[in-house]
């Protein structure tokens, strides 16, 4: 009985270690600007708002004082955690294609875009290129960069010529909670 309790507590601790780590986090390219604080006591701070959090292993579920919940997709690797940031894209006129094929301009940006070709090549922002694989069933695609970055899994929802894209951004810890 005691052994079972010890094993159960060990498994619970291991499960917690696999979730999103407590701490104060900033995007790696702006490490002095905190975006998220996750405290071990179940409280959090996101976008300047106090909330509580739960972790389901893929999403941080943040709930504010009014009971509204925001789901933040994340990924934790051996190197660091990543927070998925949501962007809107519109397929450029004249680049129609099936699925994600075409040129997609990021809303509100003159420089950010993706181009996906029928032969599974992509170009990101006119600089980064590689190949891609789409998993329409799970609403994701993997960008396979020959250099620059590790392979990157993005999630998307598409409605005709509109796409909502969730792209992983690396985080850096700023301070202990």
Protein backbone atom coordinates (compact mmCIF):
# COMPACT_ATOMS: atom_id res chain seq x y z
CA UNK A 1 0.00 0.00 0.00
CA UNK A 2 2.75 2.46 0.94
CA UNK A 3 4.70 1.47 -2.17
CA UNK A 4 1.63 2.14 -4.31
CA UNK A 5 1.23 5.58 -2.70
CA UNK A 6 4.91 6.41 -3.29
CA UNK A 7 4.64 5.28 -6.93
CA UNK A 8 1.47 7.33 -7.41
CA UNK A 9 3.07 10.45 -5.94
CA UNK A 10 6.18 9.89 -8.08
CA UNK A 11 4.05 9.57 -11.22
CA UNK A 12 2.13 12.73 -10.30
CA UNK A 13 5.37 14.67 -9.83
CA UNK A 14 6.67 13.36 -13.15
CA UNK A 15 3.45 14.37 -14.90
CA UNK A 16 3.73 17.89 -13.48
CA UNK A 17 7.34 18.10 -14.62
CA UNK A 18 6.24 17.35 -18.18
CA UNK A 19 3.74 20.24 -18.28
CA UNK A 20 4.39 23.93 -18.71
CA UNK A 21 7.08 25.02 -16.21
CA UNK A 22 6.34 27.59 -13.52
CA UNK A 23 8.24 30.84 -13.93
CA UNK A 24 8.14 34.21 -15.59
CA UNK A 25 8.54 33.97 -19.36
CA UNK A 26 9.35 36.35 -22.22
CA UNK A 27 9.72 35.72 -25.93
CA UNK A 28 13.38 34.83 -26.53
CA UNK A 29 13.96 37.74 -28.93
CA UNK A 30 12.74 40.21 -26.25
CA UNK A 31 13.89 38.58 -22.97
CA UNK A 32 13.35 41.75 -20.92
CA UNK A 33 9.60 41.97 -21.71
CA UNK A 34 7.65 39.36 -19.71
CA UNK A 35 4.55 37.94 -21.42
CA UNK A 36 3.50 35.16 -19.06
CA UNK A 37 4.00 34.26 -15.42
CA UNK A 38 2.87 30.84 -14.22
CA UNK A 39 2.96 30.33 -10.45
CA UNK A 40 2.96 26.94 -8.72
CA UNK A 41 -0.03 28.07 -6.59
CA UNK A 42 -2.31 28.01 -9.66
CA UNK A 43 -2.26 31.74 -10.36
CA UNK A 44 -0.88 33.37 -13.48
CA UNK A 45 -0.37 36.73 -15.13
CA UNK A 46 -0.89 37.04 -18.90
CA UNK A 47 -1.16 40.23 -20.88
CA UNK A 48 -1.22 42.19 -17.62
CA UNK A 49 -4.29 40.30 -16.37
CA UNK A 50 -4.42 38.15 -13.25
CA UNK A 51 -5.92 34.72 -13.78
CA UNK A 52 -5.81 31.13 -12.66
CA UNK A 53 -4.40 28.32 -14.78
CA UNK A 54 -4.78 24.63 -15.48
CA UNK A 55 -2.55 22.53 -17.69
CA UNK A 56 -3.91 19.72 -19.86
CA UNK A 57 -0.51 18.78 -21.31
CA UNK A 58 -0.99 20.73 -24.58
CA UNK A 59 -2.74 23.91 -23.50
CA UNK A 60 -2.51 26.30 -20.60
CA UNK A 61 -6.11 27.12 -19.75
CA UNK A 62 -6.19 30.62 -18.27
CA UNK A 63 -9.34 31.84 -16.53
CA UNK A 64 -9.84 35.48 -15.55
CA UNK A 65 -11.96 36.87 -12.69
CA UNK A 66 -15.06 37.03 -14.96
CA UNK A 67 -14.77 33.31 -15.70
CA UNK A 68 -13.59 33.74 -19.30
CA UNK A 69 -11.08 31.09 -20.39
CA UNK A 70 -8.25 31.46 -22.89
CA UNK A 71 -6.43 28.38 -24.22
CA UNK A 72 -2.73 28.88 -24.96
CA UNK A 73 -1.14 26.04 -26.93
CA UNK A 74 2.41 25.26 -25.88
CA UNK A 75 5.26 22.85 -26.45
CA UNK A 76 8.06 22.04 -24.02
CA UNK A 77 11.30 20.66 -25.47
CA UNK A 78 14.57 19.71 -23.83
CA UNK A 79 15.91 23.15 -24.76
CA UNK A 80 13.01 25.41 -23.75
CA UNK A 81 9.25 25.97 -23.81
CA UNK A 82 7.47 27.44 -26.81
CA UNK A 83 4.22 29.39 -26.75
CA UNK A 84 2.08 29.24 -29.89
CA UNK A 85 1.17 32.70 -31.14
CA UNK A 86 -1.90 33.15 -33.36
CA UNK A 87 -1.72 35.09 -36.63
CA UNK A 88 -4.33 35.72 -39.34
CA UNK A 89 -3.47 35.26 -43.02
CA UNK A 90 -5.30 35.96 -46.27
CA UNK A 91 -4.54 34.12 -49.50
CA UNK A 92 -3.26 36.62 -52.05
CA UNK A 93 -5.54 37.11 -55.05
CA UNK A 94 -4.36 35.24 -58.11
CA UNK A 95 -2.61 32.52 -56.09
CA UNK A 96 -5.59 30.24 -55.62
CA UNK A 97 -4.82 26.67 -54.80
CA UNK A 98 -6.22 23.69 -53.01
CA UNK A 99 -5.77 23.58 -49.24
CA UNK A 100 -2.88 25.74 -48.12
CA UNK A 101 -1.30 26.09 -51.57
CA UNK A 102 -0.83 29.74 -52.51
CA UNK A 103 0.69 32.92 -51.13
CA UNK A 104 -0.64 33.92 -47.70
CA UNK A 105 -0.12 37.49 -46.48
CA UNK A 106 -0.11 38.05 -42.73
CA UNK A 107 -2.82 40.46 -41.59
CA UNK A 108 -1.41 43.88 -40.72
CA UNK A 109 2.09 43.14 -42.03
CA UNK A 110 3.62 44.18 -45.32
CA UNK A 111 6.61 41.82 -44.96
CA UNK A 112 5.32 38.58 -43.43
CA UNK A 113 3.95 35.91 -45.72
CA UNK A 114 4.05 32.21 -46.52
CA UNK A 115 4.10 30.70 -49.98
CA UNK A 116 3.17 27.02 -50.27
CA UNK A 117 3.60 25.26 -53.63
CA UNK A 118 2.00 22.08 -54.97
CA UNK A 119 5.40 20.32 -54.91
CA UNK A 120 5.62 20.73 -51.10
CA UNK A 121 8.06 23.66 -51.07
CA UNK A 122 7.55 26.74 -48.92
CA UNK A 123 9.00 30.23 -48.63
CA UNK A 124 8.60 32.21 -45.41
CA UNK A 125 8.92 35.99 -45.45
CA UNK A 126 10.96 35.83 -48.65
CA UNK A 127 13.97 34.53 -46.67
CA UNK A 128 13.48 31.07 -45.20
CA UNK A 129 12.64 28.14 -47.42
CA UNK A 130 12.29 24.39 -47.25
CA UNK A 131 9.74 21.65 -47.67
CA UNK A 132 6.49 21.04 -45.83
CA UNK A 133 4.11 18.24 -44.94
CA UNK A 134 0.41 18.83 -44.23
CA UNK A 135 -1.78 16.84 -41.85
CA UNK A 136 -5.27 18.12 -42.69
CA UNK A 137 -6.87 15.65 -40.27
CA UNK A 138 -5.06 17.23 -37.30
CA UNK A 139 -5.01 20.77 -38.75
CA UNK A 140 -1.24 21.03 -38.77
CA UNK A 141 1.72 21.30 -41.07
CA UNK A 142 5.41 20.76 -40.50
CA UNK A 143 7.93 23.20 -41.92
CA UNK A 144 11.18 21.39 -42.69
CA UNK A 145 14.00 23.90 -42.84
CA UNK A 146 17.28 22.77 -44.43
CA UNK A 147 19.10 25.24 -42.14
CA UNK A 148 18.26 28.05 -39.69
CA UNK A 149 15.66 26.27 -37.53
CA UNK A 150 14.53 22.88 -36.31
CA UNK A 151 11.51 21.38 -38.04
CA UNK A 152 8.50 23.39 -36.89
CA UNK A 153 4.94 22.13 -36.40
CA UNK A 154 2.28 24.81 -36.93
CA UNK A 155 -1.47 24.44 -36.38
CA UNK A 156 -4.03 26.06 -38.64
CA UNK A 157 -7.71 26.53 -39.32
CA UNK A 158 -8.75 27.47 -42.81
CA UNK A 159 -11.93 28.92 -44.22
CA UNK A 160 -11.48 29.41 -47.96
CA UNK A 161 -8.98 32.20 -48.45
CA UNK A 162 -8.62 32.90 -44.71
CA UNK A 163 -6.25 31.02 -42.43
CA UNK A 164 -5.61 31.28 -38.71
CA UNK A 165 -2.12 30.04 -37.97
CA UNK A 166 -0.59 29.08 -34.62
CA UNK A 167 3.21 29.40 -34.81
CA UNK A 168 5.55 28.36 -31.95
CA UNK A 169 7.71 31.13 -30.49
CA UNK A 170 10.60 30.25 -28.15
CA UNK A 171 10.44 31.52 -24.59
CA UNK A 172 13.19 32.56 -22.19
CA UNK A 173 12.77 32.60 -18.43
CA UNK A 174 13.10 36.08 -16.94
CA UNK A 175 12.85 35.39 -13.20
CA UNK A 176 11.54 32.92 -10.66
CA UNK A 177 7.81 33.27 -9.88
